[in-house]
């Protein structure tokens, strides 16, 4: 393992431990977490379908990064991804 993989592994483990402890304290947070994720992913899907009908390519699909953004930030995270995607083409 190189140094970057070790740092990533420790960061992912710390995040997982934090999320588990947070969900133990507030079980309703799990429902909120999945609600934000479902709303964000459905927004991506519907917006891409709407743009495809109009003939506009968005170049933003459902992948691991957009999945994480939508689960943690919800629709504002998805809008942030679309803004970053738009800035890439300017």
PDB file of N, CA and C in Angstrom:
ATOM      1  N   UNK A   1       0.836  -1.187   0.000  1.00  0.00           N
ATOM      2  CA  UNK A   1       0.000   0.000   0.000  1.00  0.00           C
ATOM      3  C   UNK A   1       0.877   1.245   0.000  1.00  0.00           C
ATOM      4  N   UNK A   2       0.469   2.198  -0.786  1.00  0.00           N
ATOM      5  CA  UNK A   2       1.227   3.440  -0.763  1.00  0.00           C
ATOM      6  C   UNK A   2       0.596   4.418   0.242  1.00  0.00           C
ATOM      7  N   UNK A   3       1.189   5.559   0.387  1.00  0.00           N
ATOM      8  CA  UNK A   3       0.787   6.519   1.402  1.00  0.00           C
ATOM      9  C   UNK A   3      -0.626   7.054   1.143  1.00  0.00           C
ATOM     10  N   UNK A   4      -0.977   7.315  -0.094  1.00  0.00           N
ATOM     11  CA  UNK A   4      -2.297   7.836  -0.403  1.00  0.00           C
ATOM     12  C   UNK A   4      -3.391   6.832  -0.073  1.00  0.00           C
ATOM     13  N   UNK A   5      -3.160   5.560  -0.331  1.00  0.00           N
ATOM     14  CA  UNK A   5      -4.145   4.539  -0.008  1.00  0.00           C
ATOM     15  C   UNK A   5      -4.341   4.410   1.499  1.00  0.00           C
ATOM     16  N   UNK A   6      -3.269   4.528   2.247  1.00  0.00           N
ATOM     17  CA  UNK A   6      -3.375   4.446   3.705  1.00  0.00           C
ATOM     18  C   UNK A   6      -4.157   5.632   4.250  1.00  0.00           C
ATOM     19  N   UNK A   7      -3.883   6.826   3.745  1.00  0.00           N
ATOM     20  CA  UNK A   7      -4.619   8.018   4.179  1.00  0.00           C
ATOM     21  C   UNK A   7      -6.093   7.881   3.828  1.00  0.00           C
ATOM     22  N   UNK A   8      -6.395   7.401   2.632  1.00  0.00           N
ATOM     23  CA  UNK A   8      -7.784   7.206   2.230  1.00  0.00           C
ATOM     24  C   UNK A   8      -8.469   6.176   3.115  1.00  0.00           C
ATOM     25  N   UNK A   9      -7.786   5.094   3.437  1.00  0.00           N
ATOM     26  CA  UNK A   9      -8.349   4.042   4.272  1.00  0.00           C
ATOM     27  C   UNK A   9      -8.659   4.563   5.676  1.00  0.00           C
ATOM     28  N   UNK A  10      -7.740   5.309   6.273  1.00  0.00           N
ATOM     29  CA  UNK A  10      -7.984   5.873   7.594  1.00  0.00           C
ATOM     30  C   UNK A  10      -9.121   6.893   7.567  1.00  0.00           C
ATOM     31  N   UNK A  11      -9.192   7.697   6.522  1.00  0.00           N
ATOM     32  CA  UNK A  11     -10.266   8.680   6.411  1.00  0.00           C
ATOM     33  C   UNK A  11     -11.620   8.003   6.257  1.00  0.00           C
ATOM     34  N   UNK A  12     -11.675   6.970   5.442  1.00  0.00           N
ATOM     35  CA  UNK A  12     -12.932   6.241   5.255  1.00  0.00           C
ATOM     36  C   UNK A  12     -13.351   5.541   6.538  1.00  0.00           C
ATOM     37  N   UNK A  13     -12.401   4.981   7.271  1.00  0.00           N
ATOM     38  CA  UNK A  13     -12.723   4.320   8.538  1.00  0.00           C
ATOM     39  C   UNK A  13     -13.220   5.331   9.565  1.00  0.00           C
ATOM     40  N   UNK A  14     -12.592   6.491   9.634  1.00  0.00           N
ATOM     41  CA  UNK A  14     -13.024   7.527  10.574  1.00  0.00           C
ATOM     42  C   UNK A  14     -14.423   8.016  10.230  1.00  0.00           C
ATOM     43  N   UNK A  15     -14.700   8.203   8.946  1.00  0.00           N
ATOM     44  CA  UNK A  15     -16.030   8.629   8.518  1.00  0.00           C
ATOM     45  C   UNK A  15     -17.071   7.565   8.851  1.00  0.00           C
ATOM     46  N   UNK A  16     -16.748   6.311   8.635  1.00  0.00           N
ATOM     47  CA  UNK A  16     -17.689   5.229   8.944  1.00  0.00           C
ATOM     48  C   UNK A  16     -17.978   5.162  10.443  1.00  0.00           C
ATOM     49  N   UNK A  17     -16.947   5.305  11.267  1.00  0.00           N
ATOM     50  CA  UNK A  17     -17.145   5.289  12.722  1.00  0.00           C
ATOM     51  C   UNK A  17     -17.991   6.476  13.161  1.00  0.00           C
ATOM     52  N   UNK A  18     -17.742   7.634  12.590  1.00  0.00           N
ATOM     53  CA  UNK A  18     -18.539   8.817  12.925  1.00  0.00           C
ATOM     54  C   UNK A  18     -19.996   8.625  12.546  1.00  0.00           C
ATOM     55  N   UNK A  19     -20.244   8.116  11.347  1.00  0.00           N
ATOM     56  CA  UNK A  19     -21.622   7.919  10.907  1.00  0.00           C
ATOM     57  C   UNK A  19     -22.345   6.884  11.765  1.00  0.00           C
ATOM     58  N   UNK A  20     -21.673   5.813  12.125  1.00  0.00           N
ATOM     59  CA  UNK A  20     -22.292   4.795  12.968  1.00  0.00           C
ATOM     60  C   UNK A  20     -22.643   5.367  14.342  1.00  0.00           C
ATOM     61  N   UNK A  21     -21.736   6.134  14.928  1.00  0.00           N
ATOM     62  CA  UNK A  21     -22.020   6.713  16.245  1.00  0.00           C
ATOM     63  C   UNK A  21     -23.132   7.761  16.163  1.00  0.00           C
ATOM     64  N   UNK A  22     -23.178   8.514  15.072  1.00  0.00           N
ATOM     65  CA  UNK A  22     -24.219   9.523  14.903  1.00  0.00           C
ATOM     66  C   UNK A  22     -25.586   8.874  14.728  1.00  0.00           C
ATOM     67  N   UNK A  23     -25.635   7.787  13.972  1.00  0.00           N
ATOM     68  CA  UNK A  23     -26.899   7.100  13.731  1.00  0.00           C
ATOM     69  C   UNK A  23     -27.378   6.393  15.001  1.00  0.00           C
ATOM     70  N   UNK A  24     -26.454   5.930  15.839  1.00  0.00           N
ATOM     71  CA  UNK A  24     -26.860   5.325  17.113  1.00  0.00           C
ATOM     72  C   UNK A  24     -27.519   6.353  18.026  1.00  0.00           C
ATOM     73  N   UNK A  25     -27.017   7.589  17.988  1.00  0.00           N
ATOM     74  CA  UNK A  25     -27.600   8.642  18.813  1.00  0.00           C
ATOM     75  C   UNK A  25     -28.953   9.093  18.276  1.00  0.00           C
ATOM     76  N   UNK A  26     -29.062   9.210  16.973  1.00  0.00           N
ATOM     77  CA  UNK A  26     -30.299   9.686  16.350  1.00  0.00           C
ATOM     78  C   UNK A  26     -30.689   8.748  15.222  1.00  0.00           C
ATOM     79  N   UNK A  27     -31.527   7.756  15.488  1.00  0.00           N
ATOM     80  CA  UNK A  27     -31.922   6.811  14.434  1.00  0.00           C
ATOM     81  C   UNK A  27     -32.702   7.473  13.290  1.00  0.00           C
ATOM     82  N   UNK A  28     -33.355   8.580  13.557  1.00  0.00           N
ATOM     83  CA  UNK A  28     -34.092   9.280  12.506  1.00  0.00           C
ATOM     84  C   UNK A  28     -33.155   9.877  11.465  1.00  0.00           C
ATOM     85  N   UNK A  29     -31.883  10.033  11.826  1.00  0.00           N
ATOM     86  CA  UNK A  29     -30.907  10.576  10.877  1.00  0.00           C
ATOM     87  C   UNK A  29     -30.709   9.638   9.698  1.00  0.00           C
ATOM     88  N   UNK A  30     -30.870   8.340   9.924  1.00  0.00           N
ATOM     89  CA  UNK A  30     -30.731   7.374   8.831  1.00  0.00           C
ATOM     90  C   UNK A  30     -31.813   7.584   7.783  1.00  0.00           C
ATOM     91  N   UNK A  31     -33.025   7.834   8.238  1.00  0.00           N
ATOM     92  CA  UNK A  31     -34.121   8.094   7.303  1.00  0.00           C
ATOM     93  C   UNK A  31     -33.870   9.386   6.529  1.00  0.00           C
ATOM     94  N   UNK A  32     -33.377  10.392   7.208  1.00  0.00           N
ATOM     95  CA  UNK A  32     -33.055  11.654   6.546  1.00  0.00           C
ATOM     96  C   UNK A  32     -31.944  11.464   5.526  1.00  0.00           C
ATOM     97  N   UNK A  33     -30.940  10.665   5.888  1.00  0.00           N
ATOM     98  CA  UNK A  33     -29.809  10.380   5.014  1.00  0.00           C
ATOM     99  C   UNK A  33     -30.282   9.736   3.716  1.00  0.00           C
ATOM    100  N   UNK A  34     -31.116   8.708   3.823  1.00  0.00           N
ATOM    101  CA  UNK A  34     -31.620   8.029   2.628  1.00  0.00           C
ATOM    102  C   UNK A  34     -32.627   8.880   1.868  1.00  0.00           C
ATOM    103  N   UNK A  35     -33.351   9.724   2.574  1.00  0.00           N
ATOM    104  CA  UNK A  35     -34.282  10.634   1.903  1.00  0.00           C
ATOM    105  C   UNK A  35     -33.561  11.641   1.029  1.00  0.00           C
ATOM    106  N   UNK A  36     -32.481  12.220   1.576  1.00  0.00           N
ATOM    107  CA  UNK A  36     -31.680  13.157   0.778  1.00  0.00           C
ATOM    108  C   UNK A  36     -31.064  12.464  -0.424  1.00  0.00           C
ATOM    109  N   UNK A  37     -30.589  11.247  -0.206  1.00  0.00           N
ATOM    110  CA  UNK A  37     -29.969  10.502  -1.303  1.00  0.00           C
ATOM    111  C   UNK A  37     -30.949  10.181  -2.409  1.00  0.00           C
ATOM    112  N   UNK A  38     -32.138   9.733  -2.021  1.00  0.00           N
ATOM    113  CA  UNK A  38     -33.158   9.407  -3.026  1.00  0.00           C
ATOM    114  C   UNK A  38     -33.606  10.659  -3.780  1.00  0.00           C
ATOM    115  N   UNK A  39     -33.749  11.755  -3.070  1.00  0.00           N
ATOM    116  CA  UNK A  39     -34.155  13.002  -3.724  1.00  0.00           C
ATOM    117  C   UNK A  39     -33.079  13.484  -4.693  1.00  0.00           C
ATOM    118  N   UNK A  40     -31.827  13.417  -4.269  1.00  0.00           N
ATOM    119  CA  UNK A  40     -30.738  13.875  -5.136  1.00  0.00           C
ATOM    120  C   UNK A  40     -30.566  13.013  -6.373  1.00  0.00           C
ATOM    121  N   UNK A  41     -30.630  11.690  -6.204  1.00  0.00           N
ATOM    122  CA  UNK A  41     -30.476  10.798  -7.358  1.00  0.00           C
ATOM    123  C   UNK A  41     -31.661  10.899  -8.308  1.00  0.00           C
ATOM    124  N   UNK A  42     -32.859  11.059  -7.760  1.00  0.00           N
ATOM    125  CA  UNK A  42     -34.012  11.220  -8.649  1.00  0.00           C
ATOM    126  C   UNK A  42     -33.938  12.548  -9.393  1.00  0.00           C
ATOM    127  N   UNK A  43     -33.403  13.580  -8.745  1.00  0.00           N
ATOM    128  CA  UNK A  43     -33.222  14.863  -9.426  1.00  0.00           C
ATOM    129  C   UNK A  43     -32.243  14.721 -10.591  1.00  0.00           C
ATOM    130  N   UNK A  44     -31.145  14.014 -10.376  1.00  0.00           N
ATOM    131  CA  UNK A  44     -30.178  13.796 -11.458  1.00  0.00           C
ATOM    132  C   UNK A  44     -30.846  13.061 -12.615  1.00  0.00           C
ATOM    133  N   UNK A  45     -31.553  11.993 -12.300  1.00  0.00           N
ATOM    134  CA  UNK A  45     -32.191  11.191 -13.346  1.00  0.00           C
ATOM    135  C   UNK A  45     -33.230  12.001 -14.115  1.00  0.00           C
ATOM    136  N   UNK A  46     -34.110  12.699 -13.402  1.00  0.00           N
ATOM    137  CA  UNK A  46     -35.162  13.462 -14.071  1.00  0.00           C
ATOM    138  C   UNK A  46     -34.613  14.648 -14.858  1.00  0.00           C
ATOM    139  N   UNK A  47     -33.608  15.331 -14.318  1.00  0.00           N
ATOM    140  CA  UNK A  47     -33.023  16.458 -15.035  1.00  0.00           C
ATOM    141  C   UNK A  47     -32.301  15.993 -16.290  1.00  0.00           C
ATOM    142  N   UNK A  48     -31.587  14.860 -16.195  1.00  0.00           N
ATOM    143  CA  UNK A  48     -30.923  14.323 -17.383  1.00  0.00           C
ATOM    144  C   UNK A  48     -31.942  13.882 -18.429  1.00  0.00           C
ATOM    145  N   UNK A  49     -33.050  13.283 -17.992  1.00  0.00           N
ATOM    146  CA  UNK A  49     -34.098  12.875 -18.933  1.00  0.00           C
ATOM    147  C   UNK A  49     -34.731  14.104 -19.597  1.00  0.00           C
ATOM    148  N   UNK A  50     -34.975  15.150 -18.804  1.00  0.00           N
ATOM    149  CA  UNK A  50     -35.543  16.385 -19.342  1.00  0.00           C
ATOM    150  C   UNK A  50     -34.611  17.016 -20.367  1.00  0.00           C
ATOM    151  N   UNK A  51     -33.329  17.053 -20.063  1.00  0.00           N
ATOM    152  CA  UNK A  51     -32.361  17.634 -20.990  1.00  0.00           C
ATOM    153  C   UNK A  51     -32.178  16.762 -22.232  1.00  0.00           C
ATOM    154  N   UNK A  52     -32.263  15.440 -22.089  1.00  0.00           N
ATOM    155  CA  UNK A  52     -32.125  14.547 -23.240  1.00  0.00           C
ATOM    156  C   UNK A  52     -33.287  14.736 -24.209  1.00  0.00           C
ATOM    157  N   UNK A  53     -34.480  14.976 -23.698  1.00  0.00           N
ATOM    158  CA  UNK A  53     -35.630  15.239 -24.565  1.00  0.00           C
ATOM    159  C   UNK A  53     -35.406  16.518 -25.370  1.00  0.00           C
ATOM    160  N   UNK A  54     -34.795  17.496 -24.758  1.00  0.00           N
ATOM    161  CA  UNK A  54     -34.525  18.784 -25.413  1.00  0.00           C
ATOM    162  C   UNK A  54     -33.268  18.752 -26.283  1.00  0.00           C
ATOM    163  N   UNK A  55     -32.495  17.672 -26.196  1.00  0.00           N
ATOM    164  CA  UNK A  55     -31.294  17.553 -27.013  1.00  0.00           C
ATOM    165  C   UNK A  55     -30.057  18.171 -26.391  1.00  0.00           C
ATOM    166  N   UNK A  56     -30.064  18.374 -25.090  1.00  0.00           N
ATOM    167  CA  UNK A  56     -28.933  18.967 -24.389  1.00  0.00           C
ATOM    168  C   UNK A  56     -28.230  17.865 -23.603  1.00  0.00           C
ATOM    169  N   UNK A  57     -26.921  17.761 -23.762  1.00  0.00           N
ATOM    170  CA  UNK A  57     -26.149  16.764 -23.026  1.00  0.00           C
ATOM    171  C   UNK A  57     -25.646  17.380 -21.728  1.00  0.00           C
ATOM    172  N   UNK A  58     -25.906  16.730 -20.602  1.00  0.00           N
ATOM    173  CA  UNK A  58     -25.473  17.266 -19.306  1.00  0.00           C
ATOM    174  C   UNK A  58     -24.134  16.700 -18.864  1.00  0.00           C
ATOM    175  N   UNK A  59     -23.766  15.523 -19.325  1.00  0.00           N
ATOM    176  CA  UNK A  59     -22.493  14.873 -18.992  1.00  0.00           C
ATOM    177  C   UNK A  59     -22.340  14.646 -17.491  1.00  0.00           C
ATOM    178  N   UNK A  60     -23.438  14.485 -16.773  1.00  0.00           N
ATOM    179  CA  UNK A  60     -23.388  14.166 -15.350  1.00  0.00           C
ATOM    180  C   UNK A  60     -24.312  12.985 -15.116  1.00  0.00           C
ATOM    181  N   UNK A  61     -23.738  11.883 -14.736  1.00  0.00           N
ATOM    182  CA  UNK A  61     -24.525  10.684 -14.531  1.00  0.00           C
ATOM    183  C   UNK A  61     -24.526  10.268 -13.075  1.00  0.00           C
ATOM    184  N   UNK A  62     -25.169   9.155 -12.815  1.00  0.00           N
ATOM    185  CA  UNK A  62     -25.187   8.603 -11.469  1.00  0.00           C
ATOM    186  C   UNK A  62     -23.966   7.709 -11.315  1.00  0.00           C
ATOM    187  N   UNK A  63     -23.041   8.136 -10.477  1.00  0.00           N
ATOM    188  CA  UNK A  63     -21.849   7.351 -10.185  1.00  0.00           C
ATOM    189  C   UNK A  63     -21.547   7.480  -8.695  1.00  0.00           C
ATOM    190  N   UNK A  64     -20.423   6.981  -8.275  1.00  0.00           N
ATOM    191  CA  UNK A  64     -20.103   6.962  -6.851  1.00  0.00           C
ATOM    192  C   UNK A  64     -19.973   8.365  -6.264  1.00  0.00           C
ATOM    193  N   UNK A  65     -19.424   9.291  -7.016  1.00  0.00           N
ATOM    194  CA  UNK A  65     -19.232  10.654  -6.509  1.00  0.00           C
ATOM    195  C   UNK A  65     -20.564  11.377  -6.380  1.00  0.00           C
ATOM    196  N   UNK A  66     -21.407  11.296  -7.397  1.00  0.00           N
ATOM    197  CA  UNK A  66     -22.713  11.954  -7.308  1.00  0.00           C
ATOM    198  C   UNK A  66     -23.601  11.263  -6.279  1.00  0.00           C
ATOM    199  N   UNK A  67     -23.425   9.971  -6.110  1.00  0.00           N
ATOM    200  CA  UNK A  67     -24.161   9.243  -5.079  1.00  0.00           C
ATOM    201  C   UNK A  67     -23.781   9.770  -3.696  1.00  0.00           C
ATOM    202  N   UNK A  68     -22.495   9.934  -3.438  1.00  0.00           N
ATOM    203  CA  UNK A  68     -22.040  10.451  -2.145  1.00  0.00           C
ATOM    204  C   UNK A  68     -22.500  11.893  -1.935  1.00  0.00           C
ATOM    205  N   UNK A  69     -22.407  12.710  -2.972  1.00  0.00           N
ATOM    206  CA  UNK A  69     -22.863  14.096  -2.854  1.00  0.00           C
ATOM    207  C   UNK A  69     -24.344  14.174  -2.539  1.00  0.00           C
ATOM    208  N   UNK A  70     -25.133  13.360  -3.209  1.00  0.00           N
ATOM    209  CA  UNK A  70     -26.568  13.437  -2.979  1.00  0.00           C
ATOM    210  C   UNK A  70     -26.948  12.868  -1.620  1.00  0.00           C
ATOM    211  N   UNK A  71     -26.245  11.859  -1.122  1.00  0.00           N
ATOM    212  CA  UNK A  71     -26.565  11.315   0.190  1.00  0.00           C
ATOM    213  C   UNK A  71     -26.165  12.260   1.310  1.00  0.00           C
ATOM    214  N   UNK A  72     -25.041  12.958   1.165  1.00  0.00           N
ATOM    215  CA  UNK A  72     -24.593  13.835   2.234  1.00  0.00           C
ATOM    216  C   UNK A  72     -25.197  15.234   2.145  1.00  0.00           C
ATOM    217  N   UNK A  73     -25.373  15.751   0.950  1.00  0.00           N
ATOM    218  CA  UNK A  73     -25.837  17.128   0.807  1.00  0.00           C
ATOM    219  C   UNK A  73     -27.232  17.265   0.210  1.00  0.00           C
ATOM    220  N   UNK A  74     -27.751  16.211  -0.397  1.00  0.00           N
ATOM    221  CA  UNK A  74     -29.076  16.278  -0.987  1.00  0.00           C
ATOM    222  C   UNK A  74     -29.069  17.015  -2.318  1.00  0.00           C
ATOM    223  N   UNK A  75     -30.161  17.675  -2.602  1.00  0.00           N
ATOM    224  CA  UNK A  75     -30.295  18.390  -3.874  1.00  0.00           C
ATOM    225  C   UNK A  75     -29.288  19.539  -4.000  1.00  0.00           C
ATOM    226  N   UNK A  76     -28.958  20.292  -2.931  1.00  0.00           N
ATOM    227  CA  UNK A  76     -27.899  21.299  -3.085  1.00  0.00           C
ATOM    228  C   UNK A  76     -26.556  20.703  -3.514  1.00  0.00           C
ATOM    229  N   UNK A  77     -26.255  19.504  -3.067  1.00  0.00           N
ATOM    230  CA  UNK A  77     -25.020  18.838  -3.502  1.00  0.00           C
ATOM    231  C   UNK A  77     -25.064  18.483  -4.970  1.00  0.00           C
ATOM    232  N   UNK A  78     -26.225  18.073  -5.439  1.00  0.00           N
ATOM    233  CA  UNK A  78     -26.379  17.752  -6.857  1.00  0.00           C
ATOM    234  C   UNK A  78     -26.266  19.022  -7.700  1.00  0.00           C
ATOM    235  N   UNK A  79     -26.852  20.102  -7.224  1.00  0.00           N
ATOM    236  CA  UNK A  79     -26.717  21.373  -7.938  1.00  0.00           C
ATOM    237  C   UNK A  79     -25.262  21.837  -7.961  1.00  0.00           C
ATOM    238  N   UNK A  80     -24.536  21.569  -6.886  1.00  0.00           N
ATOM    239  CA  UNK A  80     -23.109  21.871  -6.851  1.00  0.00           C
ATOM    240  C   UNK A  80     -22.357  21.048  -7.893  1.00  0.00           C
ATOM    241  N   UNK A  81     -22.726  19.788  -8.053  1.00  0.00           N
ATOM    242  CA  UNK A  81     -22.089  18.938  -9.068  1.00  0.00           C
ATOM    243  C   UNK A  81     -22.387  19.455 -10.468  1.00  0.00           C
ATOM    244  N   UNK A  82     -23.634  19.874 -10.711  1.00  0.00           N
ATOM    245  CA  UNK A  82     -23.969  20.443 -12.015  1.00  0.00           C
ATOM    246  C   UNK A  82     -23.211  21.747 -12.264  1.00  0.00           C
ATOM    247  N   UNK A  83     -23.029  22.560 -11.222  1.00  0.00           N
ATOM    248  CA  UNK A  83     -22.273  23.815 -11.380  1.00  0.00           C
ATOM    249  C   UNK A  83     -20.812  23.527 -11.689  1.00  0.00           C
ATOM    250  N   UNK A  84     -20.226  22.565 -11.001  1.00  0.00           N
ATOM    251  CA  UNK A  84     -18.834  22.200 -11.281  1.00  0.00           C
ATOM    252  C   UNK A  84     -18.705  21.628 -12.685  1.00  0.00           C
ATOM    253  N   UNK A  85     -19.688  20.876 -13.107  1.00  0.00           N
ATOM    254  CA  UNK A  85     -19.694  20.318 -14.454  1.00  0.00           C
ATOM    255  C   UNK A  85     -19.816  21.434 -15.495  1.00  0.00           C
ATOM    256  N   UNK A  86     -20.622  22.422 -15.207  1.00  0.00           N
ATOM    257  CA  UNK A  86     -20.790  23.547 -16.131  1.00  0.00           C
ATOM    258  C   UNK A  86     -19.507  24.360 -16.231  1.00  0.00           C
ATOM    259  N   UNK A  87     -18.826  24.563 -15.112  1.00  0.00           N
ATOM    260  CA  UNK A  87     -17.577  25.321 -15.131  1.00  0.00           C
ATOM    261  C   UNK A  87     -16.482  24.586 -15.906  1.00  0.00           C
ATOM    262  N   UNK A  88     -16.584  23.266 -15.960  1.00  0.00           N
ATOM    263  CA  UNK A  88     -15.596  22.487 -16.699  1.00  0.00           C
ATOM    264  C   UNK A  88     -15.678  22.785 -18.209  1.00  0.00           C
ATOM    265  N   UNK A  89     -16.855  23.126 -18.682  1.00  0.00           N
ATOM    266  CA  UNK A  89     -17.044  23.373 -20.111  1.00  0.00           C
ATOM    267  C   UNK A  89     -16.891  24.829 -20.501  1.00  0.00           C
ATOM    268  N   UNK A  90     -16.746  25.728 -19.554  1.00  0.00           N
ATOM    269  CA  UNK A  90     -16.599  27.144 -19.897  1.00  0.00           C
ATOM    270  C   UNK A  90     -15.161  27.516 -20.165  1.00  0.00           C
TER     271      UNK A  90
END
